[in-house]
Amino acid sequence: LKEIGLSYVGISLDGMEAVNDRFRGVPGAFRRALEGIR
């Protein structure tokens, strides 16, 4: 994504771990999203 010149990545989080994963419907979604941010 960096190589192609992407301007911005917006990552959805709807709370901290417990609340976010409830919203996202998949356990571990919060931690994987943080990995994506890093």
ModelCIF file with pLDDT and N, C-alpha, C, O atoms, coordinates in Angstrom:
data_MODEL
#
_entry.id   MODEL 
#
_entity.id                         1 
_entity.type                       polymer 
_entity.pdbx_number_of_molecules   1 
#
_entity_poly.entity_id                      1 
_entity_poly.type                           'polypeptide(L)' 
_entity_poly.nstd_linkage                   no 
_entity_poly.nstd_monomer                   no 
_entity_poly.pdbx_seq_one_letter_code       LKEIGLSYVGISLDGMEAVNDRFRGVPGAFRRALEGIR 
_entity_poly.pdbx_seq_one_letter_code_can   LKEIGLSYVGISLDGMEAVNDRFRGVPGAFRRALEGIR 
_entity_poly.pdbx_strand_id                 A 
#
loop_
_entity_poly_seq.entity_id 
_entity_poly_seq.num 
_entity_poly_seq.mon_id 
_entity_poly_seq.hetero 
1 1  LEU n 
1 2  LYS n 
1 3  GLU n 
1 4  ILE n 
1 5  GLY n 
1 6  LEU n 
1 7  SER n 
1 8  TYR n 
1 9  VAL n 
1 10 GLY n 
1 11 ILE n 
1 12 SER n 
1 13 LEU n 
1 14 ASP n 
1 15 GLY n 
1 16 MET n 
1 17 GLU n 
1 18 ALA n 
1 19 VAL n 
1 20 ASN n 
1 21 ASP n 
1 22 ARG n 
1 23 PHE n 
1 24 ARG n 
1 25 GLY n 
1 26 VAL n 
1 27 PRO n 
1 28 GLY n 
1 29 ALA n 
1 30 PHE n 
1 31 ARG n 
1 32 ARG n 
1 33 ALA n 
1 34 LEU n 
1 35 GLU n 
1 36 GLY n 
1 37 ILE n 
1 38 ARG n 
#
_struct_asym.id          A 
_struct_asym.entity_id   1 
#
loop_
_ma_qa_metric.id 
_ma_qa_metric.mode 
_ma_qa_metric.name 
_ma_qa_metric.software_group_id 
_ma_qa_metric.type 
1 global pLDDT . pLDDT 
2 local  pLDDT . pLDDT 
#
_ma_qa_metric_global.metric_id      1 
_ma_qa_metric_global.metric_value   93.76 
_ma_qa_metric_global.model_id       1 
_ma_qa_metric_global.ordinal_id     1 
#
loop_
_ma_qa_metric_local.label_asym_id 
_ma_qa_metric_local.label_comp_id 
_ma_qa_metric_local.label_seq_id 
_ma_qa_metric_local.metric_id 
_ma_qa_metric_local.metric_value 
_ma_qa_metric_local.model_id 
_ma_qa_metric_local.ordinal_id 
A LEU 1  2 95.00 1 1  
A LYS 2  2 96.00 1 2  
A GLU 3  2 95.00 1 3  
A ILE 4  2 94.00 1 4  
A GLY 5  2 93.00 1 5  
A LEU 6  2 92.00 1 6  
A SER 7  2 89.00 1 7  
A TYR 8  2 94.00 1 8  
A VAL 9  2 96.00 1 9  
A GLY 10 2 96.00 1 10 
A ILE 11 2 96.00 1 11 
A SER 12 2 94.00 1 12 
A LEU 13 2 95.00 1 13 
A ASP 14 2 93.00 1 14 
A GLY 15 2 94.00 1 15 
A MET 16 2 96.00 1 16 
A GLU 17 2 95.00 1 17 
A ALA 18 2 95.00 1 18 
A VAL 19 2 94.00 1 19 
A ASN 20 2 93.00 1 20 
A ASP 21 2 93.00 1 21 
A ARG 22 2 89.00 1 22 
A PHE 23 2 85.00 1 23 
A ARG 24 2 83.00 1 24 
A GLY 25 2 85.00 1 25 
A VAL 26 2 89.00 1 26 
A PRO 27 2 94.00 1 27 
A GLY 28 2 95.00 1 28 
A ALA 29 2 94.00 1 29 
A PHE 30 2 96.00 1 30 
A ARG 31 2 97.00 1 31 
A ARG 32 2 96.00 1 32 
A ALA 33 2 96.00 1 33 
A LEU 34 2 97.00 1 34 
A GLU 35 2 97.00 1 35 
A GLY 36 2 97.00 1 36 
A ILE 37 2 97.00 1 37 
A ARG 38 2 98.00 1 38 
#
loop_
_atom_site.group_PDB 
_atom_site.id 
_atom_site.type_symbol 
_atom_site.label_atom_id 
_atom_site.label_alt_id 
_atom_site.label_comp_id 
_atom_site.label_asym_id 
_atom_site.label_entity_id 
_atom_site.label_seq_id 
_atom_site.pdbx_PDB_ins_code 
_atom_site.Cartn_x 
_atom_site.Cartn_y 
_atom_site.Cartn_z 
_atom_site.occupancy 
_atom_site.B_iso_or_equiv 
_atom_site.pdbx_formal_charge 
_atom_site.auth_seq_id 
_atom_site.auth_comp_id 
_atom_site.auth_asym_id 
_atom_site.auth_atom_id 
_atom_site.pdbx_PDB_model_num 
ATOM 1   N N  . LEU A 1 1  ? 0.829   -1.210  0.000  1.00 95.00 ? 1  LEU A N  1 
ATOM 2   C CA . LEU A 1 1  ? 0.000   0.000   0.000  1.00 95.00 ? 1  LEU A CA 1 
ATOM 3   C C  . LEU A 1 1  ? 0.864   1.260   0.000  1.00 95.00 ? 1  LEU A C  1 
ATOM 4   O O  . LEU A 1 1  ? 0.512   2.262   -0.624 1.00 95.00 ? 1  LEU A O  1 
ATOM 5   N N  . LYS A 1 2  ? 1.987   1.204   0.698  1.00 96.00 ? 2  LYS A N  1 
ATOM 6   C CA . LYS A 1 2  ? 2.916   2.335   0.692  1.00 96.00 ? 2  LYS A CA 1 
ATOM 7   C C  . LYS A 1 2  ? 3.526   2.520   -0.689 1.00 96.00 ? 2  LYS A C  1 
ATOM 8   O O  . LYS A 1 2  ? 3.643   3.644   -1.176 1.00 96.00 ? 2  LYS A O  1 
ATOM 9   N N  . GLU A 1 3  ? 3.911   1.429   -1.312 1.00 95.00 ? 3  GLU A N  1 
ATOM 10  C CA . GLU A 1 3  ? 4.575   1.505   -2.613 1.00 95.00 ? 3  GLU A CA 1 
ATOM 11  C C  . GLU A 1 3  ? 3.676   2.103   -3.691 1.00 95.00 ? 3  GLU A C  1 
ATOM 12  O O  . GLU A 1 3  ? 4.164   2.790   -4.588 1.00 95.00 ? 3  GLU A O  1 
ATOM 13  N N  . ILE A 1 4  ? 2.377   1.852   -3.615 1.00 94.00 ? 4  ILE A N  1 
ATOM 14  C CA . ILE A 1 4  ? 1.484   2.360   -4.658 1.00 94.00 ? 4  ILE A CA 1 
ATOM 15  C C  . ILE A 1 4  ? 1.085   3.813   -4.423 1.00 94.00 ? 4  ILE A C  1 
ATOM 16  O O  . ILE A 1 4  ? 0.407   4.403   -5.263 1.00 94.00 ? 4  ILE A O  1 
ATOM 17  N N  . GLY A 1 5  ? 1.493   4.404   -3.297 1.00 93.00 ? 5  GLY A N  1 
ATOM 18  C CA . GLY A 1 5  ? 1.220   5.819   -3.060 1.00 93.00 ? 5  GLY A CA 1 
ATOM 19  C C  . GLY A 1 5  ? -0.120  6.111   -2.427 1.00 93.00 ? 5  GLY A C  1 
ATOM 20  O O  . GLY A 1 5  ? -0.697  7.177   -2.640 1.00 93.00 ? 5  GLY A O  1 
ATOM 21  N N  . LEU A 1 6  ? -0.620  5.160   -1.642 1.00 92.00 ? 6  LEU A N  1 
ATOM 22  C CA . LEU A 1 6  ? -1.884  5.380   -0.942 1.00 92.00 ? 6  LEU A CA 1 
ATOM 23  C C  . LEU A 1 6  ? -1.776  6.589   -0.016 1.00 92.00 ? 6  LEU A C  1 
ATOM 24  O O  . LEU A 1 6  ? -0.778  6.742   0.689  1.00 92.00 ? 6  LEU A O  1 
ATOM 25  N N  . SER A 1 7  ? -2.792  7.444   -0.014 1.00 89.00 ? 7  SER A N  1 
ATOM 26  C CA . SER A 1 7  ? -2.732  8.675   0.777  1.00 89.00 ? 7  SER A CA 1 
ATOM 27  C C  . SER A 1 7  ? -3.061  8.463   2.244  1.00 89.00 ? 7  SER A C  1 
ATOM 28  O O  . SER A 1 7  ? -2.519  9.147   3.112  1.00 89.00 ? 7  SER A O  1 
ATOM 29  N N  . TYR A 1 8  ? -3.956  7.509   2.524  1.00 94.00 ? 8  TYR A N  1 
ATOM 30  C CA . TYR A 1 8  ? -4.452  7.382   3.900  1.00 94.00 ? 8  TYR A CA 1 
ATOM 31  C C  . TYR A 1 8  ? -5.152  6.046   4.071  1.00 94.00 ? 8  TYR A C  1 
ATOM 32  O O  . TYR A 1 8  ? -5.785  5.536   3.146  1.00 94.00 ? 8  TYR A O  1 
ATOM 33  N N  . VAL A 1 9  ? -5.029  5.487   5.267  1.00 96.00 ? 9  VAL A N  1 
ATOM 34  C CA . VAL A 1 9  ? -5.750  4.273   5.641  1.00 96.00 ? 9  VAL A CA 1 
ATOM 35  C C  . VAL A 1 9  ? -6.579  4.580   6.886  1.00 96.00 ? 9  VAL A C  1 
ATOM 36  O O  . VAL A 1 9  ? -6.028  4.943   7.925  1.00 96.00 ? 9  VAL A O  1 
ATOM 37  N N  . GLY A 1 10 ? -7.900  4.434   6.785  1.00 96.00 ? 10 GLY A N  1 
ATOM 38  C CA . GLY A 1 10 ? -8.787  4.608   7.927  1.00 96.00 ? 10 GLY A CA 1 
ATOM 39  C C  . GLY A 1 10 ? -9.206  3.248   8.453  1.00 96.00 ? 10 GLY A C  1 
ATOM 40  O O  . GLY A 1 10 ? -9.806  2.457   7.726  1.00 96.00 ? 10 GLY A O  1 
ATOM 41  N N  . ILE A 1 11 ? -8.892  2.972   9.713  1.00 96.00 ? 11 ILE A N  1 
ATOM 42  C CA . ILE A 1 11 ? -9.166  1.667   10.321 1.00 96.00 ? 11 ILE A CA 1 
ATOM 43  C C  . ILE A 1 11 ? -10.275 1.809   11.353 1.00 96.00 ? 11 ILE A C  1 
ATOM 44  O O  . ILE A 1 11 ? -10.209 2.658   12.242 1.00 96.00 ? 11 ILE A O  1 
ATOM 45  N N  . SER A 1 12 ? -11.288 0.972   11.225 1.00 94.00 ? 12 SER A N  1 
ATOM 46  C CA . SER A 1 12 ? -12.463 1.061   12.091 1.00 94.00 ? 12 SER A CA 1 
ATOM 47  C C  . SER A 1 12 ? -12.223 0.365   13.421 1.00 94.00 ? 12 SER A C  1 
ATOM 48  O O  . SER A 1 12 ? -11.867 -0.812  13.469 1.00 94.00 ? 12 SER A O  1 
ATOM 49  N N  . LEU A 1 13 ? -12.423 1.105   14.488 1.00 95.00 ? 13 LEU A N  1 
ATOM 50  C CA . LEU A 1 13 ? -12.457 0.571   15.853 1.00 95.00 ? 13 LEU A CA 1 
ATOM 51  C C  . LEU A 1 13 ? -13.668 1.188   16.545 1.00 95.00 ? 13 LEU A C  1 
ATOM 52  O O  . LEU A 1 13 ? -13.860 2.403   16.490 1.00 95.00 ? 13 LEU A O  1 
ATOM 53  N N  . ASP A 1 14 ? -14.468 0.379   17.180 1.00 93.00 ? 14 ASP A N  1 
ATOM 54  C CA . ASP A 1 14 ? -15.674 0.897   17.826 1.00 93.00 ? 14 ASP A CA 1 
ATOM 55  C C  . ASP A 1 14 ? -15.620 0.763   19.333 1.00 93.00 ? 14 ASP A C  1 
ATOM 56  O O  . ASP A 1 14 ? -16.646 0.592   19.991 1.00 93.00 ? 14 ASP A O  1 
ATOM 57  N N  . GLY A 1 15 ? -14.413 0.841   19.873 1.00 94.00 ? 15 GLY A N  1 
ATOM 58  C CA . GLY A 1 15 ? -14.228 0.753   21.315 1.00 94.00 ? 15 GLY A CA 1 
ATOM 59  C C  . GLY A 1 15 ? -12.953 0.000   21.615 1.00 94.00 ? 15 GLY A C  1 
ATOM 60  O O  . GLY A 1 15 ? -12.203 -0.373  20.713 1.00 94.00 ? 15 GLY A O  1 
ATOM 61  N N  . MET A 1 16 ? -12.720 -0.216  22.885 1.00 96.00 ? 16 MET A N  1 
ATOM 62  C CA . MET A 1 16 ? -11.583 -1.031  23.271 1.00 96.00 ? 16 MET A CA 1 
ATOM 63  C C  . MET A 1 16 ? -11.952 -2.503  23.056 1.00 96.00 ? 16 MET A C  1 
ATOM 64  O O  . MET A 1 16 ? -13.012 -2.801  22.506 1.00 96.00 ? 16 MET A O  1 
ATOM 65  N N  . GLU A 1 17 ? -11.090 -3.414  23.483 1.00 95.00 ? 17 GLU A N  1 
ATOM 66  C CA . GLU A 1 17 ? -11.157 -4.792  22.981 1.00 95.00 ? 17 GLU A CA 1 
ATOM 67  C C  . GLU A 1 17 ? -12.522 -5.457  23.128 1.00 95.00 ? 17 GLU A C  1 
ATOM 68  O O  . GLU A 1 17 ? -13.069 -5.945  22.140 1.00 95.00 ? 17 GLU A O  1 
ATOM 69  N N  . ALA A 1 18 ? -13.075 -5.488  24.317 1.00 95.00 ? 18 ALA A N  1 
ATOM 70  C CA . ALA A 1 18 ? -14.321 -6.227  24.534 1.00 95.00 ? 18 ALA A CA 1 
ATOM 71  C C  . ALA A 1 18 ? -15.476 -5.643  23.723 1.00 95.00 ? 18 ALA A C  1 
ATOM 72  O O  . ALA A 1 18 ? -16.224 -6.378  23.080 1.00 95.00 ? 18 ALA A O  1 
ATOM 73  N N  . VAL A 1 19 ? -15.616 -4.325  23.757 1.00 94.00 ? 19 VAL A N  1 
ATOM 74  C CA . VAL A 1 19 ? -16.718 -3.675  23.046 1.00 94.00 ? 19 VAL A CA 1 
ATOM 75  C C  . VAL A 1 19 ? -16.510 -3.772  21.541 1.00 94.00 ? 19 VAL A C  1 
ATOM 76  O O  . VAL A 1 19 ? -17.447 -4.084  20.805 1.00 94.00 ? 19 VAL A O  1 
ATOM 77  N N  . ASN A 1 20 ? -15.293 -3.507  21.076 1.00 93.00 ? 20 ASN A N  1 
ATOM 78  C CA . ASN A 1 20 ? -15.027 -3.575  19.648 1.00 93.00 ? 20 ASN A CA 1 
ATOM 79  C C  . ASN A 1 20 ? -15.326 -4.970  19.091 1.00 93.00 ? 20 ASN A C  1 
ATOM 80  O O  . ASN A 1 20 ? -15.987 -5.100  18.061 1.00 93.00 ? 20 ASN A O  1 
ATOM 81  N N  . ASP A 1 21 ? -14.840 -6.005  19.768 1.00 93.00 ? 21 ASP A N  1 
ATOM 82  C CA . ASP A 1 21 ? -15.030 -7.352  19.244 1.00 93.00 ? 21 ASP A CA 1 
ATOM 83  C C  . ASP A 1 21 ? -16.492 -7.761  19.265 1.00 93.00 ? 21 ASP A C  1 
ATOM 84  O O  . ASP A 1 21 ? -16.931 -8.551  18.429 1.00 93.00 ? 21 ASP A O  1 
ATOM 85  N N  . ARG A 1 22 ? -17.249 -7.228  20.218 1.00 89.00 ? 22 ARG A N  1 
ATOM 86  C CA . ARG A 1 22 ? -18.690 -7.471  20.205 1.00 89.00 ? 22 ARG A CA 1 
ATOM 87  C C  . ARG A 1 22 ? -19.312 -6.842  18.969 1.00 89.00 ? 22 ARG A C  1 
ATOM 88  O O  . ARG A 1 22 ? -20.139 -7.467  18.305 1.00 89.00 ? 22 ARG A O  1 
ATOM 89  N N  . PHE A 1 23 ? -18.923 -5.608  18.651 1.00 85.00 ? 23 PHE A N  1 
ATOM 90  C CA . PHE A 1 23 ? -19.446 -4.933  17.479 1.00 85.00 ? 23 PHE A CA 1 
ATOM 91  C C  . PHE A 1 23 ? -19.021 -5.613  16.193 1.00 85.00 ? 23 PHE A C  1 
ATOM 92  O O  . PHE A 1 23 ? -19.805 -5.727  15.251 1.00 85.00 ? 23 PHE A O  1 
ATOM 93  N N  . ARG A 1 24 ? -17.767 -6.067  16.158 1.00 83.00 ? 24 ARG A N  1 
ATOM 94  C CA . ARG A 1 24 ? -17.210 -6.643  14.940 1.00 83.00 ? 24 ARG A CA 1 
ATOM 95  C C  . ARG A 1 24 ? -17.621 -8.095  14.737 1.00 83.00 ? 24 ARG A C  1 
ATOM 96  O O  . ARG A 1 24 ? -17.466 -8.632  13.640 1.00 83.00 ? 24 ARG A O  1 
ATOM 97  N N  . GLY A 1 25 ? -18.136 -8.731  15.764 1.00 85.00 ? 25 GLY A N  1 
ATOM 98  C CA . GLY A 1 25 ? -18.670 -10.074 15.616 1.00 85.00 ? 25 GLY A CA 1 
ATOM 99  C C  . GLY A 1 25 ? -17.645 -11.176 15.550 1.00 85.00 ? 25 GLY A C  1 
ATOM 100 O O  . GLY A 1 25 ? -17.999 -12.329 15.304 1.00 85.00 ? 25 GLY A O  1 
ATOM 101 N N  . VAL A 1 26 ? -16.349 -10.848 15.770 1.00 89.00 ? 26 VAL A N  1 
ATOM 102 C CA . VAL A 1 26 ? -15.282 -11.845 15.684 1.00 89.00 ? 26 VAL A CA 1 
ATOM 103 C C  . VAL A 1 26 ? -14.282 -11.598 16.806 1.00 89.00 ? 26 VAL A C  1 
ATOM 104 O O  . VAL A 1 26 ? -13.688 -10.522 16.864 1.00 89.00 ? 26 VAL A O  1 
ATOM 105 N N  . PRO A 1 27 ? -14.080 -12.558 17.695 1.00 94.00 ? 27 PRO A N  1 
ATOM 106 C CA . PRO A 1 27 ? -13.066 -12.387 18.746 1.00 94.00 ? 27 PRO A CA 1 
ATOM 107 C C  . PRO A 1 27 ? -11.679 -12.188 18.129 1.00 94.00 ? 27 PRO A C  1 
ATOM 108 O O  . PRO A 1 27 ? -11.340 -12.817 17.127 1.00 94.00 ? 27 PRO A O  1 
ATOM 109 N N  . GLY A 1 28 ? -10.890 -11.312 18.736 1.00 95.00 ? 28 GLY A N  1 
ATOM 110 C CA . GLY A 1 28 ? -9.548  -11.037 18.242 1.00 95.00 ? 28 GLY A CA 1 
ATOM 111 C C  . GLY A 1 28 ? -9.470  -9.927  17.217 1.00 95.00 ? 28 GLY A C  1 
ATOM 112 O O  . GLY A 1 28 ? -8.375  -9.554  16.796 1.00 95.00 ? 28 GLY A O  1 
ATOM 113 N N  . ALA A 1 29 ? -10.626 -9.380  16.800 1.00 94.00 ? 29 ALA A N  1 
ATOM 114 C CA . ALA A 1 29 ? -10.622 -8.332  15.780 1.00 94.00 ? 29 ALA A CA 1 
ATOM 115 C C  . ALA A 1 29 ? -9.869  -7.092  16.253 1.00 94.00 ? 29 ALA A C  1 
ATOM 116 O O  . ALA A 1 29 ? -9.181  -6.444  15.464 1.00 94.00 ? 29 ALA A O  1 
ATOM 117 N N  . PHE A 1 30 ? -9.998  -6.760  17.538 1.00 96.00 ? 30 PHE A N  1 
ATOM 118 C CA . PHE A 1 30 ? -9.330  -5.570  18.074 1.00 96.00 ? 30 PHE A CA 1 
ATOM 119 C C  . PHE A 1 30 ? -7.812  -5.709  17.979 1.00 96.00 ? 30 PHE A C  1 
ATOM 120 O O  . PHE A 1 30 ? -7.131  -4.811  17.484 1.00 96.00 ? 30 PHE A O  1 
ATOM 121 N N  . ARG A 1 31 ? -7.295  -6.821  18.447 1.00 97.00 ? 31 ARG A N  1 
ATOM 122 C CA . ARG A 1 31 ? -5.839  -7.005  18.441 1.00 97.00 ? 31 ARG A CA 1 
ATOM 123 C C  . ARG A 1 31 ? -5.285  -7.060  17.032 1.00 97.00 ? 31 ARG A C  1 
ATOM 124 O O  . ARG A 1 31 ? -4.200  -6.544  16.765 1.00 97.00 ? 31 ARG A O  1 
ATOM 125 N N  . ARG A 1 32 ? -6.021  -7.679  16.139 1.00 96.00 ? 32 ARG A N  1 
ATOM 126 C CA . ARG A 1 32 ? -5.563  -7.733  14.742 1.00 96.00 ? 32 ARG A CA 1 
ATOM 127 C C  . ARG A 1 32 ? -5.622  -6.355  14.091 1.00 96.00 ? 32 ARG A C  1 
ATOM 128 O O  . ARG A 1 32 ? -4.774  -6.028  13.260 1.00 96.00 ? 32 ARG A O  1 
ATOM 129 N N  . ALA A 1 33 ? -6.611  -5.546  14.459 1.00 96.00 ? 33 ALA A N  1 
ATOM 130 C CA . ALA A 1 33 ? -6.677  -4.182  13.935 1.00 96.00 ? 33 ALA A CA 1 
ATOM 131 C C  . ALA A 1 33 ? -5.490  -3.353  14.426 1.00 96.00 ? 33 ALA A C  1 
ATOM 132 O O  . ALA A 1 33 ? -4.913  -2.581  13.661 1.00 96.00 ? 33 ALA A O  1 
ATOM 133 N N  . LEU A 1 34 ? -5.122  -3.513  15.705 1.00 97.00 ? 34 LEU A N  1 
ATOM 134 C CA . LEU A 1 34 ? -3.948  -2.800  16.223 1.00 97.00 ? 34 LEU A CA 1 
ATOM 135 C C  . LEU A 1 34 ? -2.684  -3.235  15.500 1.00 97.00 ? 34 LEU A C  1 
ATOM 136 O O  . LEU A 1 34 ? -1.805  -2.412  15.243 1.00 97.00 ? 34 LEU A O  1 
ATOM 137 N N  . GLU A 1 35 ? -2.582  -4.520  15.169 1.00 97.00 ? 35 GLU A N  1 
ATOM 138 C CA . GLU A 1 35 ? -1.437  -4.983  14.389 1.00 97.00 ? 35 GLU A CA 1 
ATOM 139 C C  . GLU A 1 35 ? -1.419  -4.302  13.024 1.00 97.00 ? 35 GLU A C  1 
ATOM 140 O O  . GLU A 1 35 ? -0.359  -3.914  12.533 1.00 97.00 ? 35 GLU A O  1 
ATOM 141 N N  . GLY A 1 36 ? -2.590  -4.159  12.414 1.00 97.00 ? 36 GLY A N  1 
ATOM 142 C CA . GLY A 1 36 ? -2.681  -3.467  11.130 1.00 97.00 ? 36 GLY A CA 1 
ATOM 143 C C  . GLY A 1 36 ? -2.238  -2.024  11.230 1.00 97.00 ? 36 GLY A C  1 
ATOM 144 O O  . GLY A 1 36 ? -1.570  -1.509  10.334 1.00 97.00 ? 36 GLY A O  1 
ATOM 145 N N  . ILE A 1 37 ? -2.613  -1.363  12.332 1.00 97.00 ? 37 ILE A N  1 
ATOM 146 C CA . ILE A 1 37 ? -2.182  0.023   12.552 1.00 97.00 ? 37 ILE A CA 1 
ATOM 147 C C  . ILE A 1 37 ? -0.663  0.090   12.667 1.00 97.00 ? 37 ILE A C  1 
ATOM 148 O O  . ILE A 1 37 ? -0.025  0.932   12.036 1.00 97.00 ? 37 ILE A O  1 
ATOM 149 N N  . ARG A 1 38 ? -0.094  -0.788  13.465 1.00 98.00 ? 38 ARG A N  1 
ATOM 150 C CA . ARG A 1 38 ? 1.370   -0.789  13.647 1.00 98.00 ? 38 ARG A CA 1 
ATOM 151 C C  . ARG A 1 38 ? 2.074   -1.084  12.328 1.00 98.00 ? 38 ARG A C  1 
ATOM 152 O O  . ARG A 1 38 ? 3.303   -1.127  12.281 1.00 98.00 ? 38 ARG A O  1 
#
